[in-house]
Amino acid sequence: MKDYYKIDLEVFMSNNADLIREIKSKAPVYADELGLEVVQYINREVKQAHLDYIESLGVRDPYEYYISQHEEDRYLADQLIAQHRAALHPAS
């Protein structure tokens, strides 16, 4: 199965190259201050920027958003979203 989050994150990174460069340029100083490896800091900051972007779109369920954006097979996308919703809200 596709990793829809990873696909969306990669698209975000390619569409925001300036932001990624800025994060990478600041990484050595901020990583050291936080006691993180540079790669850990970059990953954390990129993922947070991606999450901030998703939230700015008003997305209520990121998982559903990732599937709807990156699964070409609409039938499969609808099935995956339905399964996700069923798992979140099991019938009592």
PDB file of N, CA and C in Angstrom:
ATOM      1  N   MET A   1       0.843  -1.177   0.000  1.00  0.00           N
ATOM      2  CA  MET A   1       0.000   0.000   0.000  1.00  0.00           C
ATOM      3  C   MET A   1       0.892   1.246   0.000  1.00  0.00           C
ATOM      4  N   LYS A   2       0.417   2.267  -0.642  1.00  0.00           N
ATOM      5  CA  LYS A   2       1.171   3.522  -0.731  1.00  0.00           C
ATOM      6  C   LYS A   2       1.244   4.204   0.634  1.00  0.00           C
ATOM      7  N   ASP A   3       2.331   4.915   0.851  1.00  0.00           N
ATOM      8  CA  ASP A   3       2.461   5.738   2.047  1.00  0.00           C
ATOM      9  C   ASP A   3       2.031   7.151   1.648  1.00  0.00           C
ATOM     10  N   TYR A   4       0.737   7.429   1.812  1.00  0.00           N
ATOM     11  CA  TYR A   4       0.165   8.691   1.347  1.00  0.00           C
ATOM     12  C   TYR A   4       0.754   9.894   2.079  1.00  0.00           C
ATOM     13  N   TYR A   5       1.072   9.724   3.351  1.00  0.00           N
ATOM     14  CA  TYR A   5       1.703  10.808   4.106  1.00  0.00           C
ATOM     15  C   TYR A   5       3.060  11.154   3.484  1.00  0.00           C
ATOM     16  N   LYS A   6       3.858  10.135   3.223  1.00  0.00           N
ATOM     17  CA  LYS A   6       5.194  10.354   2.662  1.00  0.00           C
ATOM     18  C   LYS A   6       5.091  11.031   1.292  1.00  0.00           C
ATOM     19  N   ILE A   7       4.145  10.595   0.483  1.00  0.00           N
ATOM     20  CA  ILE A   7       3.950  11.204  -0.833  1.00  0.00           C
ATOM     21  C   ILE A   7       3.616  12.686  -0.666  1.00  0.00           C
ATOM     22  N   ASP A   8       2.701  12.998   0.246  1.00  0.00           N
ATOM     23  CA  ASP A   8       2.300  14.383   0.451  1.00  0.00           C
ATOM     24  C   ASP A   8       3.454  15.214   1.000  1.00  0.00           C
ATOM     25  N   LEU A   9       4.209  14.644   1.906  1.00  0.00           N
ATOM     26  CA  LEU A   9       5.366  15.348   2.468  1.00  0.00           C
ATOM     27  C   LEU A   9       6.391  15.656   1.379  1.00  0.00           C
ATOM     28  N   GLU A  10       6.631  14.704   0.490  1.00  0.00           N
ATOM     29  CA  GLU A  10       7.587  14.926  -0.598  1.00  0.00           C
ATOM     30  C   GLU A  10       7.106  16.023  -1.551  1.00  0.00           C
ATOM     31  N   VAL A  11       5.810  16.038  -1.837  1.00  0.00           N
ATOM     32  CA  VAL A  11       5.249  17.095  -2.687  1.00  0.00           C
ATOM     33  C   VAL A  11       5.402  18.444  -1.995  1.00  0.00           C
ATOM     34  N   PHE A  12       5.090  18.477  -0.704  1.00  0.00           N
ATOM     35  CA  PHE A  12       5.243  19.710   0.073  1.00  0.00           C
ATOM     36  C   PHE A  12       6.681  20.213   0.014  1.00  0.00           C
ATOM     37  N   MET A  13       7.626  19.311   0.198  1.00  0.00           N
ATOM     38  CA  MET A  13       9.032  19.697   0.191  1.00  0.00           C
ATOM     39  C   MET A  13       9.451  20.229  -1.178  1.00  0.00           C
ATOM     40  N   SER A  14       9.000  19.589  -2.237  1.00  0.00           N
ATOM     41  CA  SER A  14       9.393  20.054  -3.569  1.00  0.00           C
ATOM     42  C   SER A  14       8.738  21.391  -3.915  1.00  0.00           C
ATOM     43  N   ASN A  15       7.559  21.638  -3.363  1.00  0.00           N
ATOM     44  CA  ASN A  15       6.860  22.903  -3.619  1.00  0.00           C
ATOM     45  C   ASN A  15       7.324  24.039  -2.703  1.00  0.00           C
ATOM     46  N   ASN A  16       8.120  23.718  -1.709  1.00  0.00           N
ATOM     47  CA  ASN A  16       8.570  24.711  -0.732  1.00  0.00           C
ATOM     48  C   ASN A  16      10.086  24.650  -0.555  1.00  0.00           C
ATOM     49  N   ALA A  17      10.789  24.652  -1.668  1.00  0.00           N
ATOM     50  CA  ALA A  17      12.250  24.508  -1.637  1.00  0.00           C
ATOM     51  C   ALA A  17      12.929  25.616  -0.832  1.00  0.00           C
ATOM     52  N   ASP A  18      12.424  26.837  -0.922  1.00  0.00           N
ATOM     53  CA  ASP A  18      13.038  27.936  -0.166  1.00  0.00           C
ATOM     54  C   ASP A  18      12.916  27.714   1.337  1.00  0.00           C
ATOM     55  N   LEU A  19      11.748  27.268   1.769  1.00  0.00           N
ATOM     56  CA  LEU A  19      11.540  26.982   3.189  1.00  0.00           C
ATOM     57  C   LEU A  19      12.472  25.861   3.654  1.00  0.00           C
ATOM     58  N   ILE A  20      12.603  24.830   2.854  1.00  0.00           N
ATOM     59  CA  ILE A  20      13.473  23.702   3.212  1.00  0.00           C
ATOM     60  C   ILE A  20      14.929  24.175   3.305  1.00  0.00           C
ATOM     61  N   ARG A  21      15.347  25.003   2.361  1.00  0.00           N
ATOM     62  CA  ARG A  21      16.716  25.551   2.418  1.00  0.00           C
ATOM     63  C   ARG A  21      16.919  26.371   3.684  1.00  0.00           C
ATOM     64  N   GLU A  22      15.915  27.160   4.054  1.00  0.00           N
ATOM     65  CA  GLU A  22      16.015  27.975   5.266  1.00  0.00           C
ATOM     66  C   GLU A  22      16.147  27.091   6.506  1.00  0.00           C
ATOM     67  N   ILE A  23      15.333  26.043   6.577  1.00  0.00           N
ATOM     68  CA  ILE A  23      15.402  25.113   7.718  1.00  0.00           C
ATOM     69  C   ILE A  23      16.788  24.476   7.777  1.00  0.00           C
ATOM     70  N   LYS A  24      17.284  24.041   6.635  1.00  0.00           N
ATOM     71  CA  LYS A  24      18.599  23.393   6.600  1.00  0.00           C
ATOM     72  C   LYS A  24      19.715  24.365   6.986  1.00  0.00           C
ATOM     73  N   SER A  25      19.585  25.623   6.606  1.00  0.00           N
ATOM     74  CA  SER A  25      20.645  26.590   6.941  1.00  0.00           C
ATOM     75  C   SER A  25      20.678  26.889   8.437  1.00  0.00           C
ATOM     76  N   LYS A  26      19.536  26.847   9.089  1.00  0.00           N
ATOM     77  CA  LYS A  26      19.460  27.123  10.525  1.00  0.00           C
ATOM     78  C   LYS A  26      19.739  25.882  11.375  1.00  0.00           C
ATOM     79  N   ALA A  27      19.679  24.730  10.756  1.00  0.00           N
ATOM     80  CA  ALA A  27      19.744  23.462  11.486  1.00  0.00           C
ATOM     81  C   ALA A  27      20.955  23.300  12.398  1.00  0.00           C
ATOM     82  N   PRO A  28      22.169  23.590  11.944  1.00  0.00           N
ATOM     83  CA  PRO A  28      23.319  23.332  12.824  1.00  0.00           C
ATOM     84  C   PRO A  28      23.232  24.060  14.167  1.00  0.00           C
ATOM     85  N   VAL A  29      22.800  25.314  14.157  1.00  0.00           N
ATOM     86  CA  VAL A  29      22.728  26.097  15.391  1.00  0.00           C
ATOM     87  C   VAL A  29      21.580  25.616  16.271  1.00  0.00           C
ATOM     88  N   TYR A  30      20.384  25.508  15.683  1.00  0.00           N
ATOM     89  CA  TYR A  30      19.213  25.139  16.474  1.00  0.00           C
ATOM     90  C   TYR A  30      19.258  23.694  16.949  1.00  0.00           C
ATOM     91  N   ALA A  31      19.790  22.813  16.133  1.00  0.00           N
ATOM     92  CA  ALA A  31      19.895  21.412  16.537  1.00  0.00           C
ATOM     93  C   ALA A  31      20.779  21.288  17.770  1.00  0.00           C
ATOM     94  N   ASP A  32      21.887  21.985  17.741  1.00  0.00           N
ATOM     95  CA  ASP A  32      22.811  21.939  18.873  1.00  0.00           C
ATOM     96  C   ASP A  32      22.147  22.473  20.134  1.00  0.00           C
ATOM     97  N   GLU A  33      21.423  23.581  20.005  1.00  0.00           N
ATOM     98  CA  GLU A  33      20.740  24.166  21.168  1.00  0.00           C
ATOM     99  C   GLU A  33      19.703  23.212  21.759  1.00  0.00           C
ATOM    100  N   LEU A  34      19.074  22.421  20.902  1.00  0.00           N
ATOM    101  CA  LEU A  34      18.029  21.497  21.361  1.00  0.00           C
ATOM    102  C   LEU A  34      18.567  20.109  21.687  1.00  0.00           C
ATOM    103  N   GLY A  35      19.862  19.900  21.480  1.00  0.00           N
ATOM    104  CA  GLY A  35      20.453  18.599  21.761  1.00  0.00           C
ATOM    105  C   GLY A  35      20.057  17.530  20.756  1.00  0.00           C
ATOM    106  N   LEU A  36      19.800  17.957  19.520  1.00  0.00           N
ATOM    107  CA  LEU A  36      19.411  17.026  18.470  1.00  0.00           C
ATOM    108  C   LEU A  36      20.509  16.916  17.437  1.00  0.00           C
ATOM    109  N   GLU A  37      20.491  15.818  16.695  1.00  0.00           N
ATOM    110  CA  GLU A  37      21.332  15.710  15.514  1.00  0.00           C
ATOM    111  C   GLU A  37      20.744  16.643  14.461  1.00  0.00           C
ATOM    112  N   VAL A  38      21.563  17.127  13.552  1.00  0.00           N
ATOM    113  CA  VAL A  38      21.103  18.046  12.514  1.00  0.00           C
ATOM    114  C   VAL A  38      19.963  17.413  11.708  1.00  0.00           C
ATOM    115  N   VAL A  39      20.121  16.159  11.329  1.00  0.00           N
ATOM    116  CA  VAL A  39      19.088  15.474  10.538  1.00  0.00           C
ATOM    117  C   VAL A  39      17.775  15.378  11.326  1.00  0.00           C
ATOM    118  N   GLN A  40      17.874  15.099  12.613  1.00  0.00           N
ATOM    119  CA  GLN A  40      16.666  15.035  13.451  1.00  0.00           C
ATOM    120  C   GLN A  40      15.959  16.386  13.470  1.00  0.00           C
ATOM    121  N   TYR A  41      16.723  17.448  13.625  1.00  0.00           N
ATOM    122  CA  TYR A  41      16.144  18.786  13.655  1.00  0.00           C
ATOM    123  C   TYR A  41      15.457  19.109  12.330  1.00  0.00           C
ATOM    124  N   ILE A  42      16.127  18.833  11.227  1.00  0.00           N
ATOM    125  CA  ILE A  42      15.555  19.116   9.912  1.00  0.00           C
ATOM    126  C   ILE A  42      14.255  18.339   9.724  1.00  0.00           C
ATOM    127  N   ASN A  43      14.273  17.050  10.028  1.00  0.00           N
ATOM    128  CA  ASN A  43      13.060  16.230   9.893  1.00  0.00           C
ATOM    129  C   ASN A  43      11.921  16.780  10.741  1.00  0.00           C
ATOM    130  N   ARG A  44      12.238  17.150  11.963  1.00  0.00           N
ATOM    131  CA  ARG A  44      11.214  17.681  12.868  1.00  0.00           C
ATOM    132  C   ARG A  44      10.616  18.969  12.329  1.00  0.00           C
ATOM    133  N   GLU A  45      11.458  19.873  11.888  1.00  0.00           N
ATOM    134  CA  GLU A  45      10.988  21.174  11.404  1.00  0.00           C
ATOM    135  C   GLU A  45      10.213  21.062  10.090  1.00  0.00           C
ATOM    136  N   VAL A  46      10.662  20.196   9.195  1.00  0.00           N
ATOM    137  CA  VAL A  46       9.959  20.005   7.926  1.00  0.00           C
ATOM    138  C   VAL A  46       8.580  19.392   8.188  1.00  0.00           C
ATOM    139  N   LYS A  47       8.525  18.391   9.045  1.00  0.00           N
ATOM    140  CA  LYS A  47       7.236  17.757   9.361  1.00  0.00           C
ATOM    141  C   LYS A  47       6.288  18.739  10.049  1.00  0.00           C
ATOM    142  N   GLN A  48       6.823  19.598  10.901  1.00  0.00           N
ATOM    143  CA  GLN A  48       5.977  20.600  11.560  1.00  0.00           C
ATOM    144  C   GLN A  48       5.467  21.626  10.558  1.00  0.00           C
ATOM    145  N   ALA A  49       6.324  22.062   9.649  1.00  0.00           N
ATOM    146  CA  ALA A  49       5.899  23.013   8.615  1.00  0.00           C
ATOM    147  C   ALA A  49       4.824  22.395   7.731  1.00  0.00           C
ATOM    148  N   HIS A  50       4.984  21.115   7.420  1.00  0.00           N
ATOM    149  CA  HIS A  50       3.984  20.398   6.614  1.00  0.00           C
ATOM    150  C   HIS A  50       2.658  20.335   7.367  1.00  0.00           C
ATOM    151  N   LEU A  51       2.704  19.990   8.639  1.00  0.00           N
ATOM    152  CA  LEU A  51       1.490  19.926   9.452  1.00  0.00           C
ATOM    153  C   LEU A  51       0.823  21.299   9.540  1.00  0.00           C
ATOM    154  N   ASP A  52       1.612  22.338   9.744  1.00  0.00           N
ATOM    155  CA  ASP A  52       1.064  23.702   9.793  1.00  0.00           C
ATOM    156  C   ASP A  52       0.355  24.038   8.489  1.00  0.00           C
ATOM    157  N   TYR A  53       0.951  23.635   7.379  1.00  0.00           N
ATOM    158  CA  TYR A  53       0.342  23.877   6.066  1.00  0.00           C
ATOM    159  C   TYR A  53      -0.993  23.139   5.948  1.00  0.00           C
ATOM    160  N   ILE A  54      -1.012  21.879   6.318  1.00  0.00           N
ATOM    161  CA  ILE A  54      -2.246  21.072   6.241  1.00  0.00           C
ATOM    162  C   ILE A  54      -3.331  21.713   7.104  1.00  0.00           C
ATOM    163  N   GLU A  55      -2.973  22.130   8.309  1.00  0.00           N
ATOM    164  CA  GLU A  55      -3.944  22.774   9.200  1.00  0.00           C
ATOM    165  C   GLU A  55      -4.434  24.096   8.616  1.00  0.00           C
ATOM    166  N   SER A  56      -3.556  24.821   7.924  1.00  0.00           N
ATOM    167  CA  SER A  56      -3.954  26.108   7.337  1.00  0.00           C
ATOM    168  C   SER A  56      -4.987  25.924   6.225  1.00  0.00           C
ATOM    169  N   LEU A  57      -5.052  24.728   5.669  1.00  0.00           N
ATOM    170  CA  LEU A  57      -6.045  24.419   4.638  1.00  0.00           C
ATOM    171  C   LEU A  57      -7.420  24.114   5.239  1.00  0.00           C
ATOM    172  N   GLY A  58      -7.469  23.983   6.571  1.00  0.00           N
ATOM    173  CA  GLY A  58      -8.722  23.649   7.236  1.00  0.00           C
ATOM    174  C   GLY A  58      -9.040  22.162   7.200  1.00  0.00           C
ATOM    175  N   VAL A  59      -8.024  21.350   6.967  1.00  0.00           N
ATOM    176  CA  VAL A  59      -8.215  19.907   6.887  1.00  0.00           C
ATOM    177  C   VAL A  59      -8.513  19.355   8.283  1.00  0.00           C
ATOM    178  N   ARG A  60      -9.620  18.623   8.391  1.00  0.00           N
ATOM    179  CA  ARG A  60      -9.981  18.040   9.683  1.00  0.00           C
ATOM    180  C   ARG A  60      -9.322  16.687   9.911  1.00  0.00           C
ATOM    181  N   ASP A  61      -9.123  15.925   8.854  1.00  0.00           N
ATOM    182  CA  ASP A  61      -8.506  14.610   8.985  1.00  0.00           C
ATOM    183  C   ASP A  61      -7.385  14.485   7.950  1.00  0.00           C
ATOM    184  N   PRO A  62      -6.145  14.675   8.376  1.00  0.00           N
ATOM    185  CA  PRO A  62      -5.029  14.629   7.425  1.00  0.00           C
ATOM    186  C   PRO A  62      -4.954  13.320   6.638  1.00  0.00           C
ATOM    187  N   TYR A  63      -5.234  12.194   7.281  1.00  0.00           N
ATOM    188  CA  TYR A  63      -5.157  10.910   6.592  1.00  0.00           C
ATOM    189  C   TYR A  63      -6.094  10.891   5.387  1.00  0.00           C
ATOM    190  N   GLU A  64      -7.317  11.335   5.569  1.00  0.00           N
ATOM    191  CA  GLU A  64      -8.274  11.386   4.465  1.00  0.00           C
ATOM    192  C   GLU A  64      -7.789  12.355   3.381  1.00  0.00           C
ATOM    193  N   TYR A  65      -7.219  13.451   3.785  1.00  0.00           N
ATOM    194  CA  TYR A  65      -6.696  14.432   2.835  1.00  0.00           C
ATOM    195  C   TYR A  65      -5.595  13.804   1.987  1.00  0.00           C
ATOM    196  N   TYR A  66      -4.643  13.116   2.633  1.00  0.00           N
ATOM    197  CA  TYR A  66      -3.527  12.516   1.905  1.00  0.00           C
ATOM    198  C   TYR A  66      -4.036  11.506   0.874  1.00  0.00           C
ATOM    199  N   ILE A  67      -4.993  10.682   1.274  1.00  0.00           N
ATOM    200  CA  ILE A  67      -5.547   9.691   0.352  1.00  0.00           C
ATOM    201  C   ILE A  67      -6.260  10.374  -0.803  1.00  0.00           C
ATOM    202  N   SER A  68      -7.102  11.351  -0.488  1.00  0.00           N
ATOM    203  CA  SER A  68      -7.872  12.006  -1.544  1.00  0.00           C
ATOM    204  C   SER A  68      -6.967  12.747  -2.532  1.00  0.00           C
ATOM    205  N   GLN A  69      -5.816  13.209  -2.070  1.00  0.00           N
ATOM    206  CA  GLN A  69      -4.896  13.935  -2.935  1.00  0.00           C
ATOM    207  C   GLN A  69      -4.007  13.022  -3.786  1.00  0.00           C
ATOM    208  N   HIS A  70      -3.696  11.834  -3.285  1.00  0.00           N
ATOM    209  CA  HIS A  70      -2.641  11.041  -3.903  1.00  0.00           C
ATOM    210  C   HIS A  70      -3.041   9.648  -4.374  1.00  0.00           C
ATOM    211  N   GLU A  71      -4.294   9.282  -4.218  1.00  0.00           N
ATOM    212  CA  GLU A  71      -4.745   7.996  -4.758  1.00  0.00           C
ATOM    213  C   GLU A  71      -5.549   8.258  -6.018  1.00  0.00           C
ATOM    214  N   GLU A  72      -5.008   7.813  -7.148  1.00  0.00           N
ATOM    215  CA  GLU A  72      -5.682   8.050  -8.428  1.00  0.00           C
ATOM    216  C   GLU A  72      -6.946   7.216  -8.582  1.00  0.00           C
ATOM    217  N   ASP A  73      -6.965   6.044  -7.988  1.00  0.00           N
ATOM    218  CA  ASP A  73      -8.119   5.150  -8.069  1.00  0.00           C
ATOM    219  C   ASP A  73      -9.180   5.638  -7.071  1.00  0.00           C
ATOM    220  N   ARG A  74     -10.183   6.334  -7.564  1.00  0.00           N
ATOM    221  CA  ARG A  74     -11.210   6.932  -6.684  1.00  0.00           C
ATOM    222  C   ARG A  74     -11.948   5.870  -5.875  1.00  0.00           C
ATOM    223  N   TYR A  75     -12.203   4.722  -6.471  1.00  0.00           N
ATOM    224  CA  TYR A  75     -12.890   3.654  -5.753  1.00  0.00           C
ATOM    225  C   TYR A  75     -12.046   3.200  -4.566  1.00  0.00           C
ATOM    226  N   LEU A  76     -10.756   2.980  -4.801  1.00  0.00           N
ATOM    227  CA  LEU A  76      -9.856   2.576  -3.716  1.00  0.00           C
ATOM    228  C   LEU A  76      -9.770   3.679  -2.672  1.00  0.00           C
ATOM    229  N   ALA A  77      -9.675   4.919  -3.103  1.00  0.00           N
ATOM    230  CA  ALA A  77      -9.614   6.037  -2.157  1.00  0.00           C
ATOM    231  C   ALA A  77     -10.854   6.051  -1.266  1.00  0.00           C
ATOM    232  N   ASP A  78     -12.023   5.889  -1.876  1.00  0.00           N
ATOM    233  CA  ASP A  78     -13.265   5.876  -1.092  1.00  0.00           C
ATOM    234  C   ASP A  78     -13.289   4.713  -0.116  1.00  0.00           C
ATOM    235  N   GLN A  79     -12.797   3.554  -0.542  1.00  0.00           N
ATOM    236  CA  GLN A  79     -12.737   2.388   0.351  1.00  0.00           C
ATOM    237  C   GLN A  79     -11.809   2.644   1.539  1.00  0.00           C
ATOM    238  N   LEU A  80     -10.640   3.182   1.260  1.00  0.00           N
ATOM    239  CA  LEU A  80      -9.672   3.448   2.334  1.00  0.00           C
ATOM    240  C   LEU A  80     -10.212   4.474   3.325  1.00  0.00           C
ATOM    241  N   ILE A  81     -10.860   5.496   2.819  1.00  0.00           N
ATOM    242  CA  ILE A  81     -11.431   6.517   3.698  1.00  0.00           C
ATOM    243  C   ILE A  81     -12.556   5.918   4.535  1.00  0.00           C
ATOM    244  N   ALA A  82     -13.388   5.093   3.931  1.00  0.00           N
ATOM    245  CA  ALA A  82     -14.481   4.438   4.672  1.00  0.00           C
ATOM    246  C   ALA A  82     -13.916   3.532   5.765  1.00  0.00           C
ATOM    247  N   GLN A  83     -12.872   2.781   5.459  1.00  0.00           N
ATOM    248  CA  GLN A  83     -12.238   1.914   6.461  1.00  0.00           C
ATOM    249  C   GLN A  83     -11.658   2.745   7.604  1.00  0.00           C
ATOM    250  N   HIS A  84     -11.042   3.850   7.251  1.00  0.00           N
ATOM    251  CA  HIS A  84     -10.455   4.744   8.252  1.00  0.00           C
ATOM    252  C   HIS A  84     -11.543   5.282   9.184  1.00  0.00           C
ATOM    253  N   ARG A  85     -12.633   5.736   8.598  1.00  0.00           N
ATOM    254  CA  ARG A  85     -13.739   6.265   9.409  1.00  0.00           C
ATOM    255  C   ARG A  85     -14.343   5.192  10.293  1.00  0.00           C
ATOM    256  N   ALA A  86     -14.482   3.975   9.759  1.00  0.00           N
ATOM    257  CA  ALA A  86     -15.037   2.871  10.542  1.00  0.00           C
ATOM    258  C   ALA A  86     -14.132   2.527  11.718  1.00  0.00           C
ATOM    259  N   ALA A  87     -12.828   2.614  11.504  1.00  0.00           N
ATOM    260  CA  ALA A  87     -11.882   2.329  12.582  1.00  0.00           C
ATOM    261  C   ALA A  87     -11.926   3.399  13.657  1.00  0.00           C
ATOM    262  N   LEU A  88     -12.156   4.646  13.241  1.00  0.00           N
ATOM    263  CA  LEU A  88     -12.237   5.744  14.203  1.00  0.00           C
ATOM    264  C   LEU A  88     -13.550   5.744  14.979  1.00  0.00           C
ATOM    265  N   HIS A  89     -14.613   5.305  14.323  1.00  0.00           N
ATOM    266  CA  HIS A  89     -15.953   5.345  14.922  1.00  0.00           C
ATOM    267  C   HIS A  89     -16.649   4.000  14.774  1.00  0.00           C
ATOM    268  N   PRO A  90     -16.161   2.980  15.525  1.00  0.00           N
ATOM    269  CA  PRO A  90     -16.763   1.663  15.403  1.00  0.00           C
ATOM    270  C   PRO A  90     -18.234   1.679  15.854  1.00  0.00           C
ATOM    271  N   ALA A  91     -19.048   0.896  15.165  1.00  0.00           N
ATOM    272  CA  ALA A  91     -20.464   0.798  15.536  1.00  0.00           C
ATOM    273  C   ALA A  91     -20.585   0.115  16.878  1.00  0.00           C
ATOM    274  N   SER A  92     -21.453   0.632  17.723  1.00  0.00           N
ATOM    275  CA  SER A  92     -21.595   0.050  19.063  1.00  0.00           C
ATOM    276  C   SER A  92     -22.667  -0.979  19.095  1.00  0.00           C
TER     277      SER A  92
END
